[in-house]
Amino acid sequence: MIECQCVERHVPLPLSYRQVEVQGEVVQLCPTTYSNVRNLLTEFIKRDSIPPGRITKHYSKYVRELCLNMWKETKMD
């Protein structure tokens, strides 16, 4: 299991984590990152492609990479 890597260290620690599966690995995400992943992944699915920079620029590199990998997995099915 991989822990949230949105920051080097969460301060304060989140009260709960959400789990997603990315490339066969379970990743625990803090609530903020989970929400960002869910929102950006919706944009990927809505467009059926990578969203334009005007949308993705609002998300961290970590969130963009998670979403890209999750979206690619759906394209392989």
PDB file of N, CA and C in Angstrom:
ATOM      1  N   MET A   1       0.844  -1.175   0.000  1.00  0.00           N
ATOM      2  CA  MET A   1       0.000   0.000   0.000  1.00  0.00           C
ATOM      3  C   MET A   1       0.892   1.243   0.000  1.00  0.00           C
ATOM      4  N   ILE A   2       0.541   2.185  -0.825  1.00  0.00           N
ATOM      5  CA  ILE A   2       1.304   3.423  -0.947  1.00  0.00           C
ATOM      6  C   ILE A   2       0.530   4.528  -0.238  1.00  0.00           C
ATOM      7  N   GLU A   3       1.226   5.307   0.581  1.00  0.00           N
ATOM      8  CA  GLU A   3       0.573   6.425   1.273  1.00  0.00           C
ATOM      9  C   GLU A   3       0.589   7.674   0.406  1.00  0.00           C
ATOM     10  N   CYS A   4      -0.305   8.581   0.721  1.00  0.00           N
ATOM     11  CA  CYS A   4      -0.442   9.848   0.008  1.00  0.00           C
ATOM     12  C   CYS A   4       0.906  10.557  -0.060  1.00  0.00           C
ATOM     13  N   GLN A   5       1.256  11.014  -1.254  1.00  0.00           N
ATOM     14  CA  GLN A   5       2.529  11.700  -1.455  1.00  0.00           C
ATOM     15  C   GLN A   5       2.315  13.110  -1.998  1.00  0.00           C
ATOM     16  N   CYS A   6       1.183  13.696  -1.618  1.00  0.00           N
ATOM     17  CA  CYS A   6       0.885  15.034  -2.126  1.00  0.00           C
ATOM     18  C   CYS A   6       1.801  16.086  -1.509  1.00  0.00           C
ATOM     19  N   VAL A   7       2.269  15.811  -0.318  1.00  0.00           N
ATOM     20  CA  VAL A   7       3.227  16.679   0.358  1.00  0.00           C
ATOM     21  C   VAL A   7       4.270  15.781   1.011  1.00  0.00           C
ATOM     22  N   GLU A   8       5.376  16.370   1.387  1.00  0.00           N
ATOM     23  CA  GLU A   8       6.413  15.586   2.040  1.00  0.00           C
ATOM     24  C   GLU A   8       5.925  15.040   3.378  1.00  0.00           C
ATOM     25  N   ARG A   9       5.155  15.861   4.089  1.00  0.00           N
ATOM     26  CA  ARG A   9       4.643  15.446   5.393  1.00  0.00           C
ATOM     27  C   ARG A   9       3.331  16.174   5.673  1.00  0.00           C
ATOM     28  N   HIS A  10       2.291  15.434   6.032  1.00  0.00           N
ATOM     29  CA  HIS A  10       1.011  16.046   6.371  1.00  0.00           C
ATOM     30  C   HIS A  10       1.063  16.606   7.788  1.00  0.00           C
ATOM     31  N   VAL A  11       0.773  17.897   7.914  1.00  0.00           N
ATOM     32  CA  VAL A  11       0.689  18.522   9.235  1.00  0.00           C
ATOM     33  C   VAL A  11      -0.544  19.412   9.214  1.00  0.00           C
ATOM     34  N   PRO A  12      -1.542  19.129   9.992  1.00  0.00           N
ATOM     35  CA  PRO A  12      -1.689  17.959  10.860  1.00  0.00           C
ATOM     36  C   PRO A  12      -2.020  16.729  10.021  1.00  0.00           C
ATOM     37  N   LEU A  13      -1.918  15.578  10.626  1.00  0.00           N
ATOM     38  CA  LEU A  13      -2.256  14.345   9.934  1.00  0.00           C
ATOM     39  C   LEU A  13      -3.753  14.313   9.630  1.00  0.00           C
ATOM     40  N   PRO A  14      -4.119  13.824   8.443  1.00  0.00           N
ATOM     41  CA  PRO A  14      -5.550  13.699   8.137  1.00  0.00           C
ATOM     42  C   PRO A  14      -6.223  12.734   9.109  1.00  0.00           C
ATOM     43  N   LEU A  15      -7.481  12.974   9.386  1.00  0.00           N
ATOM     44  CA  LEU A  15      -8.234  12.088  10.276  1.00  0.00           C
ATOM     45  C   LEU A  15      -8.592  10.776   9.583  1.00  0.00           C
ATOM     46  N   SER A  16      -8.667  10.811   8.267  1.00  0.00           N
ATOM     47  CA  SER A  16      -8.982   9.600   7.513  1.00  0.00           C
ATOM     48  C   SER A  16      -8.303   9.666   6.148  1.00  0.00           C
ATOM     49  N   TYR A  17      -8.197   8.523   5.529  1.00  0.00           N
ATOM     50  CA  TYR A  17      -7.644   8.420   4.188  1.00  0.00           C
ATOM     51  C   TYR A  17      -8.651   7.708   3.301  1.00  0.00           C
ATOM     52  N   ARG A  18      -8.596   7.960   2.024  1.00  0.00           N
ATOM     53  CA  ARG A  18      -9.412   7.258   1.034  1.00  0.00           C
ATOM     54  C   ARG A  18      -8.472   6.402   0.208  1.00  0.00           C
ATOM     55  N   GLN A  19      -8.956   5.275  -0.273  1.00  0.00           N
ATOM     56  CA  GLN A  19      -8.120   4.380  -1.066  1.00  0.00           C
ATOM     57  C   GLN A  19      -8.581   4.354  -2.514  1.00  0.00           C
ATOM     58  N   VAL A  20      -7.605   4.384  -3.412  1.00  0.00           N
ATOM     59  CA  VAL A  20      -7.852   4.192  -4.839  1.00  0.00           C
ATOM     60  C   VAL A  20      -6.844   3.169  -5.331  1.00  0.00           C
ATOM     61  N   GLU A  21      -7.161   2.545  -6.447  1.00  0.00           N
ATOM     62  CA  GLU A  21      -6.225   1.590  -7.033  1.00  0.00           C
ATOM     63  C   GLU A  21      -5.657   2.190  -8.304  1.00  0.00           C
ATOM     64  N   VAL A  22      -4.332   2.219  -8.380  1.00  0.00           N
ATOM     65  CA  VAL A  22      -3.636   2.777  -9.534  1.00  0.00           C
ATOM     66  C   VAL A  22      -2.579   1.779  -9.958  1.00  0.00           C
ATOM     67  N   GLN A  23      -2.695   1.289 -11.179  1.00  0.00           N
ATOM     68  CA  GLN A  23      -1.751   0.321 -11.733  1.00  0.00           C
ATOM     69  C   GLN A  23      -1.548  -0.867 -10.789  1.00  0.00           C
ATOM     70  N   GLY A  24      -2.635  -1.377 -10.263  1.00  0.00           N
ATOM     71  CA  GLY A  24      -2.579  -2.553  -9.405  1.00  0.00           C
ATOM     72  C   GLY A  24      -2.112  -2.305  -7.987  1.00  0.00           C
ATOM     73  N   GLU A  25      -1.806  -1.077  -7.646  1.00  0.00           N
ATOM     74  CA  GLU A  25      -1.360  -0.708  -6.298  1.00  0.00           C
ATOM     75  C   GLU A  25      -2.466   0.069  -5.592  1.00  0.00           C
ATOM     76  N   VAL A  26      -2.666  -0.237  -4.319  1.00  0.00           N
ATOM     77  CA  VAL A  26      -3.611   0.530  -3.518  1.00  0.00           C
ATOM     78  C   VAL A  26      -2.875   1.771  -2.997  1.00  0.00           C
ATOM     79  N   VAL A  27      -3.465   2.932  -3.250  1.00  0.00           N
ATOM     80  CA  VAL A  27      -2.872   4.194  -2.831  1.00  0.00           C
ATOM     81  C   VAL A  27      -3.822   4.850  -1.835  1.00  0.00           C
ATOM     82  N   GLN A  28      -3.303   5.202  -0.666  1.00  0.00           N
ATOM     83  CA  GLN A  28      -4.089   5.933   0.325  1.00  0.00           C
ATOM     84  C   GLN A  28      -3.911   7.422   0.084  1.00  0.00           C
ATOM     85  N   LEU A  29      -5.026   8.136  -0.045  1.00  0.00           N
ATOM     86  CA  LEU A  29      -4.973   9.573  -0.317  1.00  0.00           C
ATOM     87  C   LEU A  29      -5.631  10.353   0.804  1.00  0.00           C
ATOM     88  N   CYS A  30      -5.051  11.504   1.107  1.00  0.00           N
ATOM     89  CA  CYS A  30      -5.684  12.405   2.075  1.00  0.00           C
ATOM     90  C   CYS A  30      -6.971  12.924   1.443  1.00  0.00           C
ATOM     91  N   PRO A  31      -7.900  13.438   2.234  1.00  0.00           N
ATOM     92  CA  PRO A  31      -9.193  13.887   1.690  1.00  0.00           C
ATOM     93  C   PRO A  31      -9.075  14.944   0.588  1.00  0.00           C
ATOM     94  N   THR A  32      -8.154  15.871   0.718  1.00  0.00           N
ATOM     95  CA  THR A  32      -8.001  16.918  -0.299  1.00  0.00           C
ATOM     96  C   THR A  32      -7.525  16.334  -1.617  1.00  0.00           C
ATOM     97  N   THR A  33      -6.518  15.494  -1.568  1.00  0.00           N
ATOM     98  CA  THR A  33      -5.997  14.887  -2.793  1.00  0.00           C
ATOM     99  C   THR A  33      -7.042  13.977  -3.419  1.00  0.00           C
ATOM    100  N   TYR A  34      -7.774  13.229  -2.599  1.00  0.00           N
ATOM    101  CA  TYR A  34      -8.824  12.349  -3.121  1.00  0.00           C
ATOM    102  C   TYR A  34      -9.863  13.171  -3.881  1.00  0.00           C
ATOM    103  N   SER A  35     -10.275  14.289  -3.300  1.00  0.00           N
ATOM    104  CA  SER A  35     -11.258  15.153  -3.948  1.00  0.00           C
ATOM    105  C   SER A  35     -10.718  15.710  -5.265  1.00  0.00           C
ATOM    106  N   ASN A  36      -9.459  16.122  -5.265  1.00  0.00           N
ATOM    107  CA  ASN A  36      -8.843  16.648  -6.484  1.00  0.00           C
ATOM    108  C   ASN A  36      -8.739  15.572  -7.564  1.00  0.00           C
ATOM    109  N   VAL A  37      -8.371  14.360  -7.165  1.00  0.00           N
ATOM    110  CA  VAL A  37      -8.280  13.251  -8.127  1.00  0.00           C
ATOM    111  C   VAL A  37      -9.661  12.973  -8.721  1.00  0.00           C
ATOM    112  N   ARG A  38     -10.660  12.927  -7.879  1.00  0.00           N
ATOM    113  CA  ARG A  38     -12.017  12.660  -8.355  1.00  0.00           C
ATOM    114  C   ARG A  38     -12.467  13.740  -9.350  1.00  0.00           C
ATOM    115  N   ASN A  39     -12.209  15.005  -9.027  1.00  0.00           N
ATOM    116  CA  ASN A  39     -12.624  16.099  -9.911  1.00  0.00           C
ATOM    117  C   ASN A  39     -11.879  16.090 -11.239  1.00  0.00           C
ATOM    118  N   LEU A  40     -10.568  15.894 -11.194  1.00  0.00           N
ATOM    119  CA  LEU A  40      -9.799  15.903 -12.440  1.00  0.00           C
ATOM    120  C   LEU A  40     -10.090  14.661 -13.270  1.00  0.00           C
ATOM    121  N   LEU A  41     -10.268  13.523 -12.638  1.00  0.00           N
ATOM    122  CA  LEU A  41     -10.590  12.310 -13.382  1.00  0.00           C
ATOM    123  C   LEU A  41     -11.928  12.465 -14.110  1.00  0.00           C
ATOM    124  N   THR A  42     -12.847  13.191 -13.516  1.00  0.00           N
ATOM    125  CA  THR A  42     -14.125  13.483 -14.178  1.00  0.00           C
ATOM    126  C   THR A  42     -13.893  14.251 -15.472  1.00  0.00           C
ATOM    127  N   GLU A  43     -12.937  15.178 -15.455  1.00  0.00           N
ATOM    128  CA  GLU A  43     -12.606  15.942 -16.668  1.00  0.00           C
ATOM    129  C   GLU A  43     -12.002  15.037 -17.742  1.00  0.00           C
ATOM    130  N   PHE A  44     -11.140  14.101 -17.340  1.00  0.00           N
ATOM    131  CA  PHE A  44     -10.565  13.144 -18.287  1.00  0.00           C
ATOM    132  C   PHE A  44     -11.683  12.336 -18.951  1.00  0.00           C
ATOM    133  N   ILE A  45     -12.592  11.832 -18.138  1.00  0.00           N
ATOM    134  CA  ILE A  45     -13.668  10.969 -18.637  1.00  0.00           C
ATOM    135  C   ILE A  45     -14.641  11.754 -19.518  1.00  0.00           C
ATOM    136  N   LYS A  46     -14.979  12.963 -19.104  1.00  0.00           N
ATOM    137  CA  LYS A  46     -15.915  13.799 -19.860  1.00  0.00           C
ATOM    138  C   LYS A  46     -15.382  14.079 -21.270  1.00  0.00           C
ATOM    139  N   ARG A  47     -14.088  14.323 -21.372  1.00  0.00           N
ATOM    140  CA  ARG A  47     -13.483  14.658 -22.664  1.00  0.00           C
ATOM    141  C   ARG A  47     -13.003  13.424 -23.431  1.00  0.00           C
ATOM    142  N   ASP A  48     -12.858  12.321 -22.723  1.00  0.00           N
ATOM    143  CA  ASP A  48     -12.272  11.106 -23.275  1.00  0.00           C
ATOM    144  C   ASP A  48     -10.871  11.396 -23.827  1.00  0.00           C
ATOM    145  N   SER A  49     -10.192  12.314 -23.162  1.00  0.00           N
ATOM    146  CA  SER A  49      -8.809  12.655 -23.502  1.00  0.00           C
ATOM    147  C   SER A  49      -8.223  13.457 -22.336  1.00  0.00           C
ATOM    148  N   ILE A  50      -6.960  13.794 -22.469  1.00  0.00           N
ATOM    149  CA  ILE A  50      -6.309  14.599 -21.441  1.00  0.00           C
ATOM    150  C   ILE A  50      -6.876  16.014 -21.492  1.00  0.00           C
ATOM    151  N   PRO A  51      -7.341  16.542 -20.358  1.00  0.00           N
ATOM    152  CA  PRO A  51      -7.895  17.898 -20.354  1.00  0.00           C
ATOM    153  C   PRO A  51      -6.830  18.939 -20.720  1.00  0.00           C
ATOM    154  N   PRO A  52      -7.257  20.077 -21.240  1.00  0.00           N
ATOM    155  CA  PRO A  52      -6.304  21.129 -21.601  1.00  0.00           C
ATOM    156  C   PRO A  52      -5.615  21.721 -20.373  1.00  0.00           C
ATOM    157  N   GLY A  53      -4.489  22.368 -20.623  1.00  0.00           N
ATOM    158  CA  GLY A  53      -3.689  22.966 -19.563  1.00  0.00           C
ATOM    159  C   GLY A  53      -4.437  23.976 -18.721  1.00  0.00           C
ATOM    160  N   ARG A  54      -5.416  24.660 -19.302  1.00  0.00           N
ATOM    161  CA  ARG A  54      -6.179  25.647 -18.536  1.00  0.00           C
ATOM    162  C   ARG A  54      -6.951  24.995 -17.394  1.00  0.00           C
ATOM    163  N   ILE A  55      -7.190  23.692 -17.497  1.00  0.00           N
ATOM    164  CA  ILE A  55      -7.853  22.944 -16.426  1.00  0.00           C
ATOM    165  C   ILE A  55      -6.822  22.255 -15.542  1.00  0.00           C
ATOM    166  N   THR A  56      -5.870  21.557 -16.143  1.00  0.00           N
ATOM    167  CA  THR A  56      -4.920  20.768 -15.358  1.00  0.00           C
ATOM    168  C   THR A  56      -3.968  21.626 -14.536  1.00  0.00           C
ATOM    169  N   LYS A  57      -3.753  22.876 -14.931  1.00  0.00           N
ATOM    170  CA  LYS A  57      -2.801  23.722 -14.200  1.00  0.00           C
ATOM    171  C   LYS A  57      -3.231  23.984 -12.757  1.00  0.00           C
ATOM    172  N   HIS A  58      -4.490  23.736 -12.456  1.00  0.00           N
ATOM    173  CA  HIS A  58      -5.000  23.962 -11.104  1.00  0.00           C
ATOM    174  C   HIS A  58      -4.743  22.784 -10.173  1.00  0.00           C
ATOM    175  N   TYR A  59      -4.155  21.723 -10.700  1.00  0.00           N
ATOM    176  CA  TYR A  59      -3.916  20.513  -9.916  1.00  0.00           C
ATOM    177  C   TYR A  59      -2.417  20.237  -9.823  1.00  0.00           C
ATOM    178  N   SER A  60      -2.014  19.636  -8.725  1.00  0.00           N
ATOM    179  CA  SER A  60      -0.598  19.332  -8.526  1.00  0.00           C
ATOM    180  C   SER A  60      -0.124  18.264  -9.513  1.00  0.00           C
ATOM    181  N   LYS A  61       1.164  18.198  -9.679  1.00  0.00           N
ATOM    182  CA  LYS A  61       1.759  17.187 -10.561  1.00  0.00           C
ATOM    183  C   LYS A  61       1.371  15.794 -10.088  1.00  0.00           C
ATOM    184  N   TYR A  62       1.352  15.580  -8.782  1.00  0.00           N
ATOM    185  CA  TYR A  62       0.987  14.284  -8.201  1.00  0.00           C
ATOM    186  C   TYR A  62      -0.438  13.891  -8.608  1.00  0.00           C
ATOM    187  N   VAL A  63      -1.373  14.798  -8.498  1.00  0.00           N
ATOM    188  CA  VAL A  63      -2.766  14.531  -8.865  1.00  0.00           C
ATOM    189  C   VAL A  63      -2.868  14.273 -10.367  1.00  0.00           C
ATOM    190  N   ARG A  64      -2.180  15.063 -11.173  1.00  0.00           N
ATOM    191  CA  ARG A  64      -2.220  14.876 -12.628  1.00  0.00           C
ATOM    192  C   ARG A  64      -1.681  13.505 -13.022  1.00  0.00           C
ATOM    193  N   GLU A  65      -0.588  13.076 -12.389  1.00  0.00           N
ATOM    194  CA  GLU A  65      -0.005  11.770 -12.701  1.00  0.00           C
ATOM    195  C   GLU A  65      -0.930  10.633 -12.289  1.00  0.00           C
ATOM    196  N   LEU A  66      -1.533  10.735 -11.100  1.00  0.00           N
ATOM    197  CA  LEU A  66      -2.477   9.697 -10.661  1.00  0.00           C
ATOM    198  C   LEU A  66      -3.639   9.592 -11.648  1.00  0.00           C
ATOM    199  N   CYS A  67      -4.209  10.723 -12.016  1.00  0.00           N
ATOM    200  CA  CYS A  67      -5.356  10.719 -12.928  1.00  0.00           C
ATOM    201  C   CYS A  67      -4.985  10.173 -14.299  1.00  0.00           C
ATOM    202  N   LEU A  68      -3.840  10.563 -14.812  1.00  0.00           N
ATOM    203  CA  LEU A  68      -3.408  10.067 -16.113  1.00  0.00           C
ATOM    204  C   LEU A  68      -3.261   8.550 -16.080  1.00  0.00           C
ATOM    205  N   ASN A  69      -2.638   8.022 -15.036  1.00  0.00           N
ATOM    206  CA  ASN A  69      -2.477   6.576 -14.926  1.00  0.00           C
ATOM    207  C   ASN A  69      -3.814   5.869 -14.770  1.00  0.00           C
ATOM    208  N   MET A  70      -4.716   6.433 -13.982  1.00  0.00           N
ATOM    209  CA  MET A  70      -6.039   5.822 -13.806  1.00  0.00           C
ATOM    210  C   MET A  70      -6.829   5.865 -15.111  1.00  0.00           C
ATOM    211  N   TRP A  71      -6.749   6.967 -15.833  1.00  0.00           N
ATOM    212  CA  TRP A  71      -7.468   7.105 -17.092  1.00  0.00           C
ATOM    213  C   TRP A  71      -6.917   6.131 -18.138  1.00  0.00           C
ATOM    214  N   LYS A  72      -5.601   5.993 -18.193  1.00  0.00           N
ATOM    215  CA  LYS A  72      -4.991   5.047 -19.139  1.00  0.00           C
ATOM    216  C   LYS A  72      -5.456   3.621 -18.861  1.00  0.00           C
ATOM    217  N   GLU A  73      -5.612   3.282 -17.587  1.00  0.00           N
ATOM    218  CA  GLU A  73      -6.096   1.941 -17.228  1.00  0.00           C
ATOM    219  C   GLU A  73      -7.485   1.690 -17.793  1.00  0.00           C
ATOM    220  N   THR A  74      -8.339   2.698 -17.757  1.00  0.00           N
ATOM    221  CA  THR A  74      -9.691   2.511 -18.294  1.00  0.00           C
ATOM    222  C   THR A  74      -9.669   2.356 -19.811  1.00  0.00           C
ATOM    223  N   LYS A  75      -8.678   2.949 -20.476  1.00  0.00           N
ATOM    224  CA  LYS A  75      -8.574   2.849 -21.927  1.00  0.00           C
ATOM    225  C   LYS A  75      -8.076   1.463 -22.348  1.00  0.00           C
ATOM    226  N   MET A  76      -7.374   0.763 -21.470  1.00  0.00           N
ATOM    227  CA  MET A  76      -6.845  -0.562 -21.787  1.00  0.00           C
ATOM    228  C   MET A  76      -7.909  -1.640 -21.689  1.00  0.00           C
ATOM    229  N   ASP A  77      -8.961  -1.385 -20.924  1.00  0.00           N
ATOM    230  CA  ASP A  77     -10.009  -2.406 -20.720  1.00  0.00           C
ATOM    231  C   ASP A  77     -10.832  -2.632 -21.970  1.00  0.00           C
TER     232      ASP A  77
END
